[in-house]
Amino acid sequence: MEAVLPRMRRTATKGKTVKRELEDKLKEDFPTIFCDMHDSTPIQSCMYCGIEAADGWYDLIHDLCEKIMALDPPEGFKADQVKEKFGGLRFYYSHGTKEIGKLVGEAETESYKTCETCGSTENVTCEGRPYWVRSLCESCDAQS
């Protein structure tokens, strides 16, 4: 009998994770990309934990997935892990193409200019704040 594991959230995003309703929307809109999200075990997929980034990057992730789907990705393409690392978005995937890799690279670069908390692209800096590198606008930085 398989043990039931509690939902785990890594501390990598300092407790910031995309809200479950936003994750559900991504899974609804892109079921093949997010096929493992919350439907696997931690051993099978890092997507078990969901998207390990704050809500501000939701539109960036959604736009990236729309562009990927427009390319008609190969069979088996899926997200393996989506998270924040060193203040930027990381979108790890399986069975991609060079074109998909280029889109992912562009989205990851754009994340450094997008506030991870609110999604603003105005006055965003990516720098070390106490204990963490984060991409924040002036307003969200003042509140953190």
C-alpha atoms as a PDB file:
ATOM      1  CA  MET A   1       0.000   0.000   0.000  1.00  0.00           C
ATOM      2  CA  GLU A   2       1.384   3.391  -1.009  1.00  0.00           C
ATOM      3  CA  ALA A   3       1.846   5.882   1.807  1.00  0.00           C
ATOM      4  CA  VAL A   4      -0.072   9.124   1.534  1.00  0.00           C
ATOM      5  CA  LEU A   5       2.396  11.972   1.677  1.00  0.00           C
ATOM      6  CA  PRO A   6       1.470  15.412   2.997  1.00  0.00           C
ATOM      7  CA  ARG A   7       1.665  18.311   0.568  1.00  0.00           C
ATOM      8  CA  MET A   8       5.179  19.653   0.782  1.00  0.00           C
ATOM      9  CA  ARG A   9       6.367  23.149   0.006  1.00  0.00           C
ATOM     10  CA  ARG A  10      10.042  23.839  -0.158  1.00  0.00           C
ATOM     11  CA  THR A  11      11.438  26.834   1.606  1.00  0.00           C
ATOM     12  CA  ALA A  12      13.354  27.838  -1.528  1.00  0.00           C
ATOM     13  CA  THR A  13      10.976  30.695  -2.232  1.00  0.00           C
ATOM     14  CA  LYS A  14      10.935  31.793   1.380  1.00  0.00           C
ATOM     15  CA  GLY A  15       7.372  30.532   1.758  1.00  0.00           C
ATOM     16  CA  LYS A  16       6.189  32.179  -1.467  1.00  0.00           C
ATOM     17  CA  THR A  17       4.391  29.832  -3.814  1.00  0.00           C
ATOM     18  CA  VAL A  18       1.863  30.435  -6.543  1.00  0.00           C
ATOM     19  CA  LYS A  19      -1.634  30.285  -5.087  1.00  0.00           C
ATOM     20  CA  ARG A  20      -3.353  26.941  -5.592  1.00  0.00           C
ATOM     21  CA  GLU A  21      -6.139  28.520  -7.673  1.00  0.00           C
ATOM     22  CA  LEU A  22      -3.536  29.958 -10.077  1.00  0.00           C
ATOM     23  CA  GLU A  23      -1.795  26.587 -10.287  1.00  0.00           C
ATOM     24  CA  ASP A  24      -5.153  24.962 -11.010  1.00  0.00           C
ATOM     25  CA  LYS A  25      -5.777  27.504 -13.792  1.00  0.00           C
ATOM     26  CA  LEU A  26      -2.401  26.716 -15.370  1.00  0.00           C
ATOM     27  CA  LYS A  27      -3.126  23.004 -15.173  1.00  0.00           C
ATOM     28  CA  GLU A  28      -6.576  23.538 -16.698  1.00  0.00           C
ATOM     29  CA  ASP A  29      -5.203  25.681 -19.539  1.00  0.00           C
ATOM     30  CA  PHE A  30      -2.117  23.520 -20.181  1.00  0.00           C
ATOM     31  CA  PRO A  31      -2.874  19.965 -18.997  1.00  0.00           C
ATOM     32  CA  THR A  32      -0.068  18.342 -20.984  1.00  0.00           C
ATOM     33  CA  ILE A  33       2.587  20.749 -19.686  1.00  0.00           C
ATOM     34  CA  PHE A  34       1.515  20.470 -16.051  1.00  0.00           C
ATOM     35  CA  CYS A  35       0.395  16.816 -16.098  1.00  0.00           C
ATOM     36  CA  ASP A  36       2.444  15.969 -12.986  1.00  0.00           C
ATOM     37  CA  MET A  37       1.464  18.971 -10.875  1.00  0.00           C
ATOM     38  CA  HIS A  38       0.042  17.676  -7.580  1.00  0.00           C
ATOM     39  CA  ASP A  39      -0.693  14.297  -9.251  1.00  0.00           C
ATOM     40  CA  SER A  40       2.562  12.525  -8.531  1.00  0.00           C
ATOM     41  CA  THR A  41       4.850  11.821  -5.609  1.00  0.00           C
ATOM     42  CA  PRO A  42       7.982  13.804  -4.742  1.00  0.00           C
ATOM     43  CA  ILE A  43      10.042  10.892  -6.011  1.00  0.00           C
ATOM     44  CA  GLN A  44       8.287  10.889  -9.399  1.00  0.00           C
ATOM     45  CA  SER A  45       8.289  14.634 -10.097  1.00  0.00           C
ATOM     46  CA  CYS A  46       9.288  17.964  -8.580  1.00  0.00           C
ATOM     47  CA  MET A  47       5.913  19.228  -9.853  1.00  0.00           C
ATOM     48  CA  TYR A  48       4.355  17.391  -6.902  1.00  0.00           C
ATOM     49  CA  CYS A  49       5.108  20.553  -4.924  1.00  0.00           C
ATOM     50  CA  GLY A  50       3.505  22.810  -7.517  1.00  0.00           C
ATOM     51  CA  ILE A  51       5.059  26.019  -8.767  1.00  0.00           C
ATOM     52  CA  GLU A  52       7.649  27.257  -6.328  1.00  0.00           C
ATOM     53  CA  ALA A  53       7.564  30.947  -7.145  1.00  0.00           C
ATOM     54  CA  ALA A  54       5.398  33.863  -6.045  1.00  0.00           C
ATOM     55  CA  ASP A  55       2.184  34.991  -7.777  1.00  0.00           C
ATOM     56  CA  GLY A  56       3.815  37.905  -9.627  1.00  0.00           C
ATOM     57  CA  TRP A  57       5.249  35.568 -12.241  1.00  0.00           C
ATOM     58  CA  TYR A  58       1.929  33.856 -13.025  1.00  0.00           C
ATOM     59  CA  ASP A  59       1.358  35.901 -16.217  1.00  0.00           C
ATOM     60  CA  LEU A  60       4.956  35.294 -17.309  1.00  0.00           C
ATOM     61  CA  ILE A  61       4.507  31.526 -16.873  1.00  0.00           C
ATOM     62  CA  HIS A  62       1.083  31.546 -18.564  1.00  0.00           C
ATOM     63  CA  ASP A  63       2.396  33.545 -21.545  1.00  0.00           C
ATOM     64  CA  LEU A  64       5.366  31.186 -21.862  1.00  0.00           C
ATOM     65  CA  CYS A  65       3.048  28.164 -21.935  1.00  0.00           C
ATOM     66  CA  GLU A  66       0.836  29.783 -24.591  1.00  0.00           C
ATOM     67  CA  LYS A  67       3.900  30.374 -26.782  1.00  0.00           C
ATOM     68  CA  ILE A  68       5.093  26.811 -26.233  1.00  0.00           C
ATOM     69  CA  MET A  69       1.699  25.362 -27.182  1.00  0.00           C
ATOM     70  CA  ALA A  70       1.660  27.525 -30.333  1.00  0.00           C
ATOM     71  CA  LEU A  71       4.826  25.670 -31.422  1.00  0.00           C
ATOM     72  CA  ASP A  72       2.997  22.318 -31.158  1.00  0.00           C
ATOM     73  CA  PRO A  73       5.493  20.770 -28.713  1.00  0.00           C
ATOM     74  CA  PRO A  74       6.624  17.181 -29.245  1.00  0.00           C
ATOM     75  CA  GLU A  75       4.825  14.313 -27.578  1.00  0.00           C
ATOM     76  CA  GLY A  76       5.993  13.912 -24.010  1.00  0.00           C
ATOM     77  CA  PHE A  77       6.825  17.597 -23.495  1.00  0.00           C
ATOM     78  CA  LYS A  78       6.096  18.584 -19.898  1.00  0.00           C
ATOM     79  CA  ALA A  79       7.291  20.823 -17.109  1.00  0.00           C
ATOM     80  CA  ASP A  80       9.558  19.006 -14.672  1.00  0.00           C
ATOM     81  CA  GLN A  81       9.990  21.876 -12.223  1.00  0.00           C
ATOM     82  CA  VAL A  82       9.014  25.545 -12.136  1.00  0.00           C
ATOM     83  CA  LYS A  83      10.581  27.647  -9.405  1.00  0.00           C
ATOM     84  CA  GLU A  84      12.467  30.746  -8.355  1.00  0.00           C
ATOM     85  CA  LYS A  85      16.229  30.465  -8.040  1.00  0.00           C
ATOM     86  CA  PHE A  86      18.672  33.306  -7.396  1.00  0.00           C
ATOM     87  CA  GLY A  87      15.928  35.863  -8.080  1.00  0.00           C
ATOM     88  CA  GLY A  88      14.914  34.448 -11.446  1.00  0.00           C
ATOM     89  CA  LEU A  89      12.395  32.018 -12.889  1.00  0.00           C
ATOM     90  CA  ARG A  90      13.569  28.497 -13.675  1.00  0.00           C
ATOM     91  CA  PHE A  91      11.407  26.397 -16.004  1.00  0.00           C
ATOM     92  CA  TYR A  92      12.833  22.892 -16.307  1.00  0.00           C
ATOM     93  CA  TYR A  93      11.208  20.592 -18.854  1.00  0.00           C
ATOM     94  CA  SER A  94      11.473  17.275 -20.696  1.00  0.00           C
ATOM     95  CA  HIS A  95      11.301  16.506 -24.432  1.00  0.00           C
ATOM     96  CA  GLY A  96      11.684  20.075 -25.646  1.00  0.00           C
ATOM     97  CA  THR A  97      13.091  21.573 -28.816  1.00  0.00           C
ATOM     98  CA  LYS A  98      15.569  24.370 -29.516  1.00  0.00           C
ATOM     99  CA  GLU A  99      12.642  26.722 -30.168  1.00  0.00           C
ATOM    100  CA  ILE A 100      11.100  25.876 -26.799  1.00  0.00           C
ATOM    101  CA  GLY A 101      14.474  26.357 -25.143  1.00  0.00           C
ATOM    102  CA  LYS A 102      14.716  29.823 -26.665  1.00  0.00           C
ATOM    103  CA  LEU A 103      11.253  30.764 -25.346  1.00  0.00           C
ATOM    104  CA  VAL A 104      12.114  29.459 -21.892  1.00  0.00           C
ATOM    105  CA  GLY A 105      15.359  31.447 -21.908  1.00  0.00           C
ATOM    106  CA  GLU A 106      13.500  34.617 -22.860  1.00  0.00           C
ATOM    107  CA  ALA A 107      10.951  34.116 -20.061  1.00  0.00           C
ATOM    108  CA  GLU A 108      13.680  33.403 -17.541  1.00  0.00           C
ATOM    109  CA  THR A 109      15.501  36.603 -18.579  1.00  0.00           C
ATOM    110  CA  GLU A 110      12.248  38.593 -18.382  1.00  0.00           C
ATOM    111  CA  SER A 111      11.661  37.339 -14.822  1.00  0.00           C
ATOM    112  CA  TYR A 112      14.605  39.414 -13.588  1.00  0.00           C
ATOM    113  CA  LYS A 113      12.718  42.508 -14.776  1.00  0.00           C
ATOM    114  CA  THR A 114       9.346  41.403 -13.327  1.00  0.00           C
ATOM    115  CA  CYS A 115       8.404  41.732  -9.666  1.00  0.00           C
ATOM    116  CA  GLU A 116       7.922  38.229  -8.310  1.00  0.00           C
ATOM    117  CA  THR A 117       5.314  39.472  -5.833  1.00  0.00           C
ATOM    118  CA  CYS A 118       2.989  41.732  -7.862  1.00  0.00           C
ATOM    119  CA  GLY A 119       4.067  41.274 -11.504  1.00  0.00           C
ATOM    120  CA  SER A 120       5.037  44.909 -12.070  1.00  0.00           C
ATOM    121  CA  THR A 121       7.770  45.650 -14.595  1.00  0.00           C
ATOM    122  CA  GLU A 122       8.432  49.158 -13.276  1.00  0.00           C
ATOM    123  CA  ASN A 123      11.487  49.886 -11.127  1.00  0.00           C
ATOM    124  CA  VAL A 124      12.334  46.204 -10.560  1.00  0.00           C
ATOM    125  CA  THR A 125      15.699  45.255  -9.130  1.00  0.00           C
ATOM    126  CA  CYS A 126      17.156  41.820  -8.643  1.00  0.00           C
ATOM    127  CA  GLU A 127      19.510  41.906  -5.730  1.00  0.00           C
ATOM    128  CA  GLY A 128      20.423  40.246  -2.499  1.00  0.00           C
ATOM    129  CA  ARG A 129      18.096  41.187   0.259  1.00  0.00           C
ATOM    130  CA  PRO A 130      18.618  39.811   3.740  1.00  0.00           C
ATOM    131  CA  TYR A 131      19.257  36.089   3.173  1.00  0.00           C
ATOM    132  CA  TRP A 132      17.733  35.954  -0.325  1.00  0.00           C
ATOM    133  CA  VAL A 133      18.151  37.229  -3.892  1.00  0.00           C
ATOM    134  CA  ARG A 134      14.773  38.460  -5.112  1.00  0.00           C
ATOM    135  CA  SER A 135      13.317  40.397  -8.031  1.00  0.00           C
ATOM    136  CA  LEU A 136      11.093  43.082  -6.532  1.00  0.00           C
ATOM    137  CA  CYS A 137       9.638  46.432  -7.507  1.00  0.00           C
ATOM    138  CA  GLU A 138      10.237  49.409  -5.212  1.00  0.00           C
ATOM    139  CA  SER A 139       6.798  49.074  -3.598  1.00  0.00           C
ATOM    140  CA  CYS A 140       7.078  45.367  -2.799  1.00  0.00           C
ATOM    141  CA  ASP A 141      10.680  45.790  -1.649  1.00  0.00           C
ATOM    142  CA  ALA A 142       9.560  48.461   0.814  1.00  0.00           C
ATOM    143  CA  GLN A 143       6.892  46.078   2.175  1.00  0.00           C
ATOM    144  CA  SER A 144       9.224  43.105   2.564  1.00  0.00           C
END
